Amino acid sequence: MELSSVTAQGDTCDPHRPADPGVFPAHEAGMRDRKPAGGSVDFPVSVVLPAGGTGERTGLQTPKQFCTILGRPLISYTVQAFERVSWVQSVVVVVAKESRDLMTDIVQRFQHRKVQVVLGGSTRHRSIRNGVLALGEPGDRQPKVVIIHDAVRPFVEEDFLYKIAMAAKDQGAAGAIRPLVSTVIATTTEGYLDHSLERAKYRASEMPQGFTYDVIYQAYQRCSESDFEFGTECLHLVLQHCGTNAKLVEGPPTLWKVTYKRDLAAAESIIKESLSRSACVITGGSAQASTLAEALQKATAALDMELDLVPDLLGDNARCLLKEWNFIQISVDRPCVSEAEALVTTLEAANRALLHPLVVIWVHLCGLDVPSVGRRMAEPAAIMELASAAKRRNILLYGIQLHQSEDGDRWQRSVQRAAEMASTLIRDRSPALVGQILQS
C-alpha cells in the first residue's frame, strides 16, 4: 500500500491530548554509557533550529522555547541533544530580534560550544532561510547535510539523527514521519463534514528533516513570496523547486513537540524521571557506612533505582562525577557538615551543575549512644547555610538523619524509610525542601 505524507508536525492532534511521555536519552541523563546503534558519519553536518516563534498556544508570555525546566530553558536541552553528537559540527539557532540577547546569554551560561545565533525573519521559511545562509554561500566550506529541527522538540536521539543524515546524503532530502493518531477530515465552508481520509494511507510529517546543502539552498533561492509567507513544509519546498523527493523515515515517539503549557510539565516529568534512575553513594571508607550503603542499595533496587558505591571520588571513582546527577554522602557519628561541604565543593569544581540540577543527600548515621533529638540534629543552621549557597549553583542539598537501632526489624524499617526518602528527593528535586534534615 502506498503511503502519503500529511503535513501535520503534531499540530493536527487534539489540543486536549495527553502529552506523549516519551523517553529521555539515557546518555543525556547520566545513565549508563551507551554507544549509538546507528554509527557515525564521515561528512560534515550542521543543524538549523528555527526558534523565533511566540508560542501563543501555551498561553504564556514567554515563548515556549525559552520557558525554564528545572532552571534551564527548553531550547538549551534541544541544543544539547545536538551538541552531544560528535559528528554535528555546528548548530545555528534562529531567533527573533527581541530574543537575540536572551539566546546569547543562554549560550554563555550553559557553555554551548557549537552554537551560532542568527536573526530570523517574519515567517518560518524566512527564518530557516536565514539559518541556511548563515552556513555559507556556495563555494564556501558548507556542510554536506543540513538538519532542520524544531527548537521545542528536545528529545531527539542520535540513532535517529544518523538515519536522517544518511538518508539525506543519499536522496537529497529526508524527513521524519509518525503514524496519524486521529482520523483527518475535510469540512465544508458551512462547518459540516465533507469527507474523511483513509488514515492508513497517510503519515504525520515531523522533525527532524535533513537535506544536502545544495538542495535546501537552491530551494530557498527559488522560493516565491507565497512560499515564504504561507509555507511551513520544507520537504514540499525541495520537491516543488528542486524535484527532490524526500526519503521518509518513521521516527520514535520521543519526537513529540512541546506545544501546550501542559507539555512543559510533561517534559519536566520526563527529565526528572530520567535523572532519578541512579546515584553515587560515597562511604568515606567506613565499615559502618559501607554496611549502610549496601542496605540502601538493596532497598533502592526495589524502587527501580541503581546505586554505585564508592569510598571517595578520587582516581577511577572520579568517573561518577562525569555520569551521575545524584550523590549520597554517608557520615557516621560525626555531627558536622564538613563531608557534605567537601562533596559540594568537588561538584562545583567539576562544573556538573550547568546542565541539570545536581542532588546531594547527606545521610548522617547516629550511633546507639546518642541520647536525644537535640544532640542528633547535626548543626541544622550550618546545613541550611551550605544548602542555600549550593542552590545558587544549581546543587540541591538535603539531609537525612538515620538512628542506629539494636532492634533488627526496626533498623530494617529505618533503612527502608531512608531509601524511600532519598528516592523521593532525587525524583522530585524539590527546591522547597533544600536544606531540610528529614528523620528516618
Protein backbone atom coordinates (compact mmCIF):
# COMPACT_ATOMS: atom_id res chain seq x y z
CA MET A 1 0.00 0.00 0.00
CA GLU A 2 1.39 3.40 -0.94
CA LEU A 3 1.83 5.90 1.88
CA SER A 4 1.32 9.63 1.56
CA SER A 5 2.76 12.25 3.89
CA VAL A 6 0.41 14.64 5.66
CA THR A 7 1.91 17.90 6.86
CA ALA A 8 0.90 17.66 10.48
CA GLN A 9 4.04 18.24 12.60
CA GLY A 10 1.98 17.49 15.68
CA ASP A 11 -0.45 20.37 15.15
CA THR A 12 -3.39 18.34 13.88
CA CYS A 13 -3.67 16.43 17.14
CA ASP A 14 -6.36 17.06 19.70
CA PRO A 15 -5.28 20.08 21.77
CA HIS A 16 -6.53 18.30 24.87
CA ARG A 17 -4.43 15.21 24.26
CA PRO A 18 -2.15 13.92 26.99
CA ALA A 19 1.46 14.57 26.10
CA ASP A 20 3.39 11.53 24.92
CA PRO A 21 5.63 10.63 27.87
CA GLY A 22 8.50 9.52 25.64
CA VAL A 23 11.92 8.57 26.94
CA PHE A 24 14.76 10.93 27.77
CA PRO A 25 18.03 9.80 26.17
CA ALA A 26 19.84 7.63 28.67
CA HIS A 27 23.30 9.00 27.97
CA GLU A 28 21.96 12.54 28.30
CA ALA A 29 20.53 11.92 31.73
CA GLY A 30 23.72 10.47 33.13
CA MET A 31 22.71 6.83 32.94
CA ARG A 32 24.99 4.01 31.93
CA ASP A 33 27.18 4.73 28.93
CA ARG A 34 25.69 3.58 25.65
CA LYS A 35 27.06 3.68 22.12
CA PRO A 36 24.58 4.74 19.43
CA ALA A 37 23.35 1.81 17.39
CA GLY A 38 23.45 3.76 14.14
CA GLY A 39 27.07 4.83 13.82
CA SER A 40 28.98 7.93 12.88
CA VAL A 41 29.03 9.89 9.65
CA ASP A 42 32.13 10.84 7.70
CA PHE A 43 30.81 14.09 6.24
CA PRO A 44 30.10 17.50 7.81
CA VAL A 45 26.62 18.01 9.25
CA SER A 46 25.11 21.24 10.59
CA VAL A 47 21.78 21.94 12.26
CA VAL A 48 19.34 24.83 11.88
CA LEU A 49 16.93 25.40 14.78
CA PRO A 50 14.20 27.97 13.99
CA ALA A 51 13.34 29.47 17.39
CA GLY A 52 11.55 32.70 16.58
CA GLY A 53 8.01 31.60 17.44
CA THR A 54 5.90 33.37 20.02
CA GLY A 55 4.35 30.19 21.48
CA GLU A 56 0.81 31.58 21.56
CA ARG A 57 -0.77 28.16 22.17
CA THR A 58 0.96 27.77 25.51
CA GLY A 59 -0.92 30.80 26.83
CA LEU A 60 2.31 32.09 28.39
CA GLN A 61 4.01 35.44 27.94
CA THR A 62 7.40 33.79 27.48
CA PRO A 63 7.86 31.92 24.17
CA LYS A 64 7.85 28.21 24.99
CA GLN A 65 11.40 27.65 23.71
CA PHE A 66 12.65 29.97 26.46
CA CYS A 67 10.46 28.59 29.27
CA THR A 68 12.56 27.03 32.01
CA ILE A 69 12.51 23.37 33.02
CA LEU A 70 14.48 22.60 36.18
CA GLY A 71 16.11 26.01 35.96
CA ARG A 72 17.17 25.64 32.33
CA PRO A 73 15.45 26.96 29.16
CA LEU A 74 13.82 24.35 26.94
CA ILE A 75 15.92 25.35 23.94
CA SER A 76 19.10 24.59 25.87
CA TYR A 77 18.01 20.94 26.15
CA THR A 78 17.40 20.81 22.39
CA VAL A 79 20.77 22.38 21.62
CA GLN A 80 22.49 19.87 23.89
CA ALA A 81 20.76 17.00 22.10
CA PHE A 82 22.75 18.00 19.00
CA GLU A 83 25.94 19.14 20.72
CA ARG A 84 26.43 15.73 22.28
CA VAL A 85 26.58 14.21 18.74
CA SER A 86 30.25 14.25 17.80
CA TRP A 87 29.64 14.46 14.05
CA VAL A 88 27.41 17.56 14.25
CA GLN A 89 29.82 20.43 13.63
CA SER A 90 27.57 23.45 14.26
CA VAL A 91 24.10 24.47 15.42
CA VAL A 92 22.52 27.63 14.03
CA VAL A 93 19.76 28.96 16.31
CA VAL A 94 17.49 31.43 14.52
CA VAL A 95 15.70 33.84 16.87
CA ALA A 96 13.58 36.97 16.75
CA LYS A 97 15.43 40.25 17.20
CA GLU A 98 13.99 40.77 20.68
CA SER A 99 15.32 37.34 21.78
CA ARG A 100 18.89 37.66 20.49
CA ASP A 101 20.37 38.86 23.79
CA LEU A 102 18.47 36.20 25.72
CA MET A 103 19.72 33.43 23.44
CA THR A 104 23.28 34.75 23.60
CA ASP A 105 23.07 34.69 27.40
CA ILE A 106 21.80 31.08 27.31
CA VAL A 107 24.73 30.05 25.11
CA GLN A 108 27.20 31.62 27.52
CA ARG A 109 25.52 30.48 30.74
CA PHE A 110 25.23 26.84 29.73
CA GLN A 111 28.51 26.84 27.81
CA HIS A 112 27.12 25.67 24.49
CA ARG A 113 30.11 25.20 22.22
CA LYS A 114 28.72 24.76 18.72
CA VAL A 115 26.04 27.46 18.59
CA GLN A 116 25.75 30.42 16.24
CA VAL A 117 22.85 32.82 16.92
CA VAL A 118 21.20 34.30 13.81
CA LEU A 119 18.30 36.73 13.43
CA GLY A 120 15.16 35.28 11.90
CA GLY A 121 12.55 36.65 9.53
CA SER A 122 8.85 37.36 9.74
CA THR A 123 7.81 33.77 8.85
CA ARG A 124 9.10 30.26 9.47
CA HIS A 125 10.53 29.81 5.96
CA ARG A 126 12.27 33.18 6.08
CA SER A 127 13.85 32.23 9.39
CA ILE A 128 15.03 28.86 8.11
CA ARG A 129 16.45 30.51 5.00
CA ASN A 130 18.45 32.90 7.20
CA GLY A 131 19.79 29.92 9.12
CA VAL A 132 20.80 28.11 5.92
CA LEU A 133 22.50 31.22 4.54
CA ALA A 134 24.45 31.60 7.78
CA LEU A 135 26.17 28.32 6.91
CA GLY A 136 27.82 29.99 3.92
CA GLU A 137 27.38 30.66 0.23
CA PRO A 138 28.04 28.03 -2.47
CA GLY A 139 31.78 27.62 -2.84
CA ASP A 140 32.40 28.19 0.86
CA ARG A 141 33.04 25.31 3.25
CA GLN A 142 29.42 24.39 3.77
CA PRO A 143 28.22 21.21 5.46
CA LYS A 144 27.29 18.28 3.28
CA VAL A 145 23.97 17.84 5.10
CA VAL A 146 21.77 20.36 6.91
CA ILE A 147 19.35 19.06 9.55
CA ILE A 148 16.37 21.27 10.33
CA HIS A 149 14.66 20.68 13.64
CA ASP A 150 12.20 22.42 15.96
CA ALA A 151 13.65 24.17 18.99
CA VAL A 152 10.82 22.72 21.10
CA ARG A 153 11.49 19.04 20.36
CA PRO A 154 14.22 18.32 22.91
CA PHE A 155 14.14 14.51 22.98
CA VAL A 156 15.78 13.61 19.68
CA GLU A 157 18.13 10.60 19.71
CA GLU A 158 21.49 10.29 17.99
CA ASP A 159 20.49 6.98 16.40
CA PHE A 160 17.60 8.65 14.59
CA LEU A 161 19.68 11.67 13.58
CA TYR A 162 22.10 9.23 11.96
CA LYS A 163 19.27 7.71 9.89
CA ILE A 164 18.10 11.15 8.75
CA ALA A 165 21.61 12.36 7.90
CA MET A 166 22.46 9.25 5.86
CA ALA A 167 19.13 9.26 4.02
CA ALA A 168 19.52 12.97 3.22
CA LYS A 169 23.02 12.41 1.86
CA ASP A 170 21.82 9.57 -0.37
CA GLN A 171 18.47 11.02 -1.50
CA GLY A 172 18.99 14.78 -1.20
CA ALA A 173 16.22 15.09 1.39
CA ALA A 174 14.79 13.05 4.25
CA GLY A 175 12.14 13.61 6.88
CA ALA A 176 10.70 12.03 9.99
CA ILE A 177 7.17 10.68 9.91
CA ARG A 178 4.84 9.23 12.55
CA PRO A 179 1.54 7.34 12.28
CA LEU A 180 -1.51 9.55 12.49
CA VAL A 181 -3.17 9.47 15.90
CA SER A 182 -6.54 10.80 14.73
CA THR A 183 -8.52 10.48 11.53
CA VAL A 184 -8.14 13.53 9.28
CA ILE A 185 -11.36 15.00 7.92
CA ALA A 186 -12.28 17.76 5.48
CA THR A 187 -15.10 20.18 6.28
CA THR A 188 -17.39 22.27 4.14
CA THR A 189 -17.36 26.06 4.30
CA GLU A 190 -20.53 25.81 6.40
CA GLY A 191 -18.74 23.72 9.02
CA TYR A 192 -20.09 20.28 8.13
CA LEU A 193 -18.26 17.05 7.37
CA ASP A 194 -17.22 16.81 3.75
CA HIS A 195 -15.13 13.62 3.75
CA SER A 196 -12.53 11.77 5.74
CA LEU A 197 -9.18 10.35 4.67
CA GLU A 198 -8.20 6.72 4.97
CA ARG A 199 -5.78 7.06 7.88
CA ALA A 200 -3.68 4.02 6.98
CA LYS A 201 -2.53 5.74 3.77
CA TYR A 202 -1.18 8.85 5.49
CA ARG A 203 1.50 9.85 7.96
CA ALA A 204 2.20 12.94 10.05
CA SER A 205 5.27 14.88 8.94
CA GLU A 206 7.56 15.53 11.90
CA MET A 207 11.02 16.85 12.62
CA PRO A 208 13.96 16.47 12.17
CA GLN A 209 14.33 16.82 8.41
CA GLY A 210 17.62 16.61 6.54
CA PHE A 211 18.82 17.99 3.21
CA THR A 212 22.01 18.20 1.27
CA TYR A 213 23.18 21.78 1.47
CA ASP A 214 22.87 22.36 -2.29
CA VAL A 215 19.26 21.16 -2.35
CA ILE A 216 17.97 23.27 0.54
CA TYR A 217 19.98 26.30 -0.59
CA GLN A 218 18.60 26.14 -4.15
CA ALA A 219 15.05 25.58 -2.88
CA TYR A 220 15.17 28.80 -0.89
CA GLN A 221 16.75 30.68 -3.79
CA ARG A 222 13.77 29.71 -5.95
CA CYS A 223 11.03 30.33 -3.38
CA SER A 224 8.11 32.58 -4.22
CA GLU A 225 6.75 35.22 -1.87
CA SER A 226 3.75 32.97 -1.35
CA ASP A 227 6.06 30.15 -0.24
CA PHE A 228 7.79 32.42 2.24
CA GLU A 229 4.56 33.85 3.56
CA PHE A 230 2.36 30.79 3.88
CA GLY A 231 4.54 27.67 3.57
CA THR A 232 5.74 25.58 6.51
CA GLU A 233 6.85 22.27 4.98
CA CYS A 234 10.49 22.12 3.87
CA LEU A 235 10.09 18.71 2.24
CA HIS A 236 7.42 20.06 -0.08
CA LEU A 237 9.61 23.07 -0.86
CA VAL A 238 12.50 20.99 -2.18
CA LEU A 239 10.12 18.74 -4.13
CA GLN A 240 8.44 21.72 -5.76
CA HIS A 241 11.54 23.76 -6.61
CA CYS A 242 14.29 21.12 -6.93
CA GLY A 243 12.38 17.99 -7.90
CA THR A 244 13.91 16.18 -4.91
CA ASN A 245 11.59 13.57 -3.44
CA ALA A 246 12.42 13.01 0.22
CA LYS A 247 13.03 9.66 1.82
CA LEU A 248 10.56 9.29 4.70
CA VAL A 249 11.85 7.64 7.89
CA GLU A 250 9.48 6.53 10.64
CA GLY A 251 10.59 8.13 13.89
CA PRO A 252 10.22 7.18 17.56
CA PRO A 253 7.51 8.56 19.89
CA THR A 254 10.13 10.83 21.52
CA LEU A 255 9.90 13.28 18.62
CA TRP A 256 6.83 14.92 20.16
CA LYS A 257 6.67 18.69 20.23
CA VAL A 258 6.12 20.97 23.22
CA THR A 259 3.03 22.83 22.06
CA TYR A 260 0.81 23.50 25.06
CA LYS A 261 1.50 24.54 28.63
CA ARG A 262 0.92 21.03 29.97
CA ASP A 263 3.60 19.75 27.58
CA LEU A 264 6.17 21.73 29.56
CA ALA A 265 5.12 19.85 32.68
CA ALA A 266 5.34 16.56 30.77
CA ALA A 267 8.86 17.43 29.56
CA GLU A 268 9.91 18.23 33.13
CA SER A 269 8.48 14.91 34.30
CA ILE A 270 10.45 13.01 31.65
CA ILE A 271 13.69 14.74 32.60
CA LYS A 272 13.17 14.21 36.32
CA GLU A 273 12.38 10.55 35.80
CA SER A 274 15.50 10.03 33.71
CA LEU A 275 17.75 11.90 36.11
CA SER A 276 16.48 9.83 39.06
CA ARG A 277 17.44 6.35 37.90
CA SER A 278 20.83 6.17 39.59
CA ALA A 279 23.02 7.75 42.26
CA CYS A 280 26.56 7.56 43.60
CA VAL A 281 26.95 6.71 47.30
CA ILE A 282 30.17 7.89 48.98
CA THR A 283 31.03 5.96 52.13
CA GLY A 284 34.33 7.54 53.10
CA GLY A 285 35.81 4.06 53.58
CA SER A 286 33.99 3.49 56.88
CA ALA A 287 32.85 -0.09 57.53
CA GLN A 288 29.60 1.13 59.11
CA ALA A 289 28.94 3.47 56.21
CA SER A 290 29.64 0.69 53.72
CA THR A 291 27.19 -1.62 55.51
CA LEU A 292 24.52 1.07 55.44
CA ALA A 293 25.28 1.82 51.77
CA GLU A 294 24.80 -1.84 50.86
CA ALA A 295 21.48 -1.90 52.72
CA LEU A 296 20.36 1.26 50.89
CA GLN A 297 21.49 -0.27 47.59
CA LYS A 298 19.28 -3.29 48.17
CA ALA A 299 16.30 -1.17 49.26
CA THR A 300 16.51 1.26 46.33
CA ALA A 301 16.79 -1.58 43.79
CA ALA A 302 13.17 -2.38 44.61
CA LEU A 303 12.38 1.28 43.83
CA ASP A 304 13.89 0.94 40.32
CA MET A 305 16.98 2.91 41.24
CA GLU A 306 20.61 1.84 40.90
CA LEU A 307 23.33 2.90 43.36
CA ASP A 308 27.08 2.94 42.75
CA LEU A 309 29.05 2.53 46.00
CA VAL A 310 32.47 4.18 46.22
CA PRO A 311 34.68 5.18 49.18
CA ASP A 312 35.56 8.52 47.55
CA LEU A 313 35.62 10.39 44.24
CA LEU A 314 39.34 10.02 43.61
CA GLY A 315 41.16 8.09 40.89
CA ASP A 316 38.93 5.73 38.94
CA ASN A 317 35.99 6.65 41.18
CA ALA A 318 36.02 10.14 39.66
CA ARG A 319 34.08 8.65 36.74
CA CYS A 320 30.96 9.16 38.87
CA LEU A 321 31.49 12.90 38.60
CA LEU A 322 31.02 12.63 34.84
CA LYS A 323 28.00 10.35 34.66
CA GLU A 324 25.90 10.85 37.80
CA TRP A 325 23.46 13.60 38.71
CA ASN A 326 22.76 12.38 42.25
CA PHE A 327 25.15 11.85 45.17
CA ILE A 328 24.61 10.42 48.64
CA GLN A 329 27.26 11.17 51.26
CA ILE A 330 27.17 8.93 54.35
CA SER A 331 28.61 10.26 57.60
CA VAL A 332 28.88 8.15 60.75
CA ASP A 333 28.77 9.58 64.30
CA ARG A 334 30.13 12.95 63.22
CA PRO A 335 27.64 15.76 63.83
CA CYS A 336 29.28 18.15 61.36
CA VAL A 337 28.74 19.06 57.74
CA SER A 338 32.35 19.04 56.56
CA GLU A 339 31.93 15.92 54.39
CA ALA A 340 28.83 17.32 52.68
CA GLU A 341 30.62 20.63 52.21
CA ALA A 342 33.61 18.87 50.63
CA LEU A 343 31.33 16.99 48.23
CA VAL A 344 29.55 20.19 47.18
CA THR A 345 32.94 21.85 46.58
CA THR A 346 34.05 18.90 44.43
CA LEU A 347 30.88 19.05 42.34
CA GLU A 348 31.22 22.78 41.87
CA ALA A 349 34.80 22.32 40.66
CA ALA A 350 33.62 19.66 38.18
CA ASN A 351 31.13 22.19 36.73
CA ARG A 352 28.47 19.47 36.53
CA ALA A 353 25.51 21.58 37.56
CA LEU A 354 25.42 23.75 34.45
CA LEU A 355 23.08 21.48 32.52
CA HIS A 356 20.92 19.90 35.21
CA PRO A 357 20.43 20.45 38.94
CA LEU A 358 22.54 18.05 40.96
CA VAL A 359 21.08 16.40 44.06
CA VAL A 360 23.27 15.85 47.12
CA ILE A 361 21.80 13.92 50.06
CA TRP A 362 23.80 13.92 53.27
CA VAL A 363 22.88 10.84 55.33
CA HIS A 364 24.02 11.15 58.93
CA LEU A 365 24.07 7.83 60.80
CA CYS A 366 23.85 8.38 64.55
CA GLY A 367 25.24 5.76 66.91
CA LEU A 368 23.43 3.94 69.69
CA ASP A 369 24.80 6.20 72.41
CA VAL A 370 23.27 9.44 71.10
CA PRO A 371 20.65 10.25 73.76
CA SER A 372 18.41 12.94 72.37
CA VAL A 373 16.94 14.51 69.29
CA GLY A 374 18.64 17.77 70.18
CA ARG A 375 22.06 16.07 70.15
CA ARG A 376 21.23 14.12 66.99
CA MET A 377 20.46 17.19 64.96
CA ALA A 378 23.66 17.77 63.04
CA GLU A 379 24.06 21.53 63.02
CA PRO A 380 20.87 22.36 61.07
CA ALA A 381 21.87 26.02 60.75
CA ALA A 382 25.13 25.01 59.06
CA ILE A 383 23.29 22.67 56.69
CA MET A 384 20.82 25.41 55.78
CA GLU A 385 23.63 27.87 55.10
CA LEU A 386 25.53 25.37 52.95
CA ALA A 387 22.34 24.37 51.11
CA SER A 388 21.45 27.98 50.40
CA ALA A 389 24.86 28.67 48.88
CA ALA A 390 24.81 25.43 46.87
CA LYS A 391 21.34 26.10 45.50
CA ARG A 392 22.61 29.26 43.81
CA ARG A 393 24.97 26.98 41.89
CA ASN A 394 22.17 24.57 40.90
CA ILE A 395 23.08 21.99 43.55
CA LEU A 396 20.18 20.84 45.74
CA LEU A 397 21.34 19.68 49.17
CA TYR A 398 19.12 17.67 51.51
CA GLY A 399 19.75 15.80 54.76
CA ILE A 400 18.51 12.52 56.23
CA GLN A 401 19.06 11.68 59.90
CA LEU A 402 19.22 7.91 60.49
CA HIS A 403 19.44 6.48 64.02
CA GLN A 404 21.17 3.14 64.63
CA SER A 405 18.99 0.56 66.41
CA GLU A 406 19.77 -2.79 68.04
CA ASP A 407 16.30 -3.98 67.05
CA GLY A 408 16.84 -5.67 63.65
CA ASP A 409 13.28 -5.16 62.40
CA ARG A 410 13.26 -1.53 63.46
CA TRP A 411 16.62 -0.98 61.78
CA GLN A 412 15.37 -2.51 58.51
CA ARG A 413 12.31 -0.26 58.61
CA SER A 414 14.54 2.79 59.17
CA VAL A 415 16.78 1.86 56.23
CA GLN A 416 13.76 1.27 54.00
CA ARG A 417 12.32 4.61 55.03
CA ALA A 418 15.64 6.35 54.33
CA ALA A 419 15.79 4.72 50.88
CA GLU A 420 12.27 5.89 50.12
CA MET A 421 13.13 9.43 51.29
CA ALA A 422 16.27 9.51 49.15
CA SER A 423 14.40 8.20 46.11
CA THR A 424 11.67 10.80 46.55
CA LEU A 425 14.14 13.67 46.99
CA ILE A 426 16.07 12.60 43.88
CA ARG A 427 12.92 12.12 41.84
CA ASP A 428 11.14 15.32 42.85
CA ARG A 429 14.19 17.60 43.14
CA SER A 430 12.06 19.91 45.24
CA PRO A 431 13.63 23.33 45.93
CA ALA A 432 11.21 23.76 48.84
CA LEU A 433 12.95 21.01 50.84
CA VAL A 434 16.50 22.19 50.20
CA GLY A 435 18.45 22.32 53.49
CA GLN A 436 15.88 20.25 55.39
CA ILE A 437 17.04 17.37 57.60
CA LEU A 438 14.49 14.56 57.40
CA GLN A 439 14.20 11.99 60.20
CA SER A 440 14.14 8.30 59.33
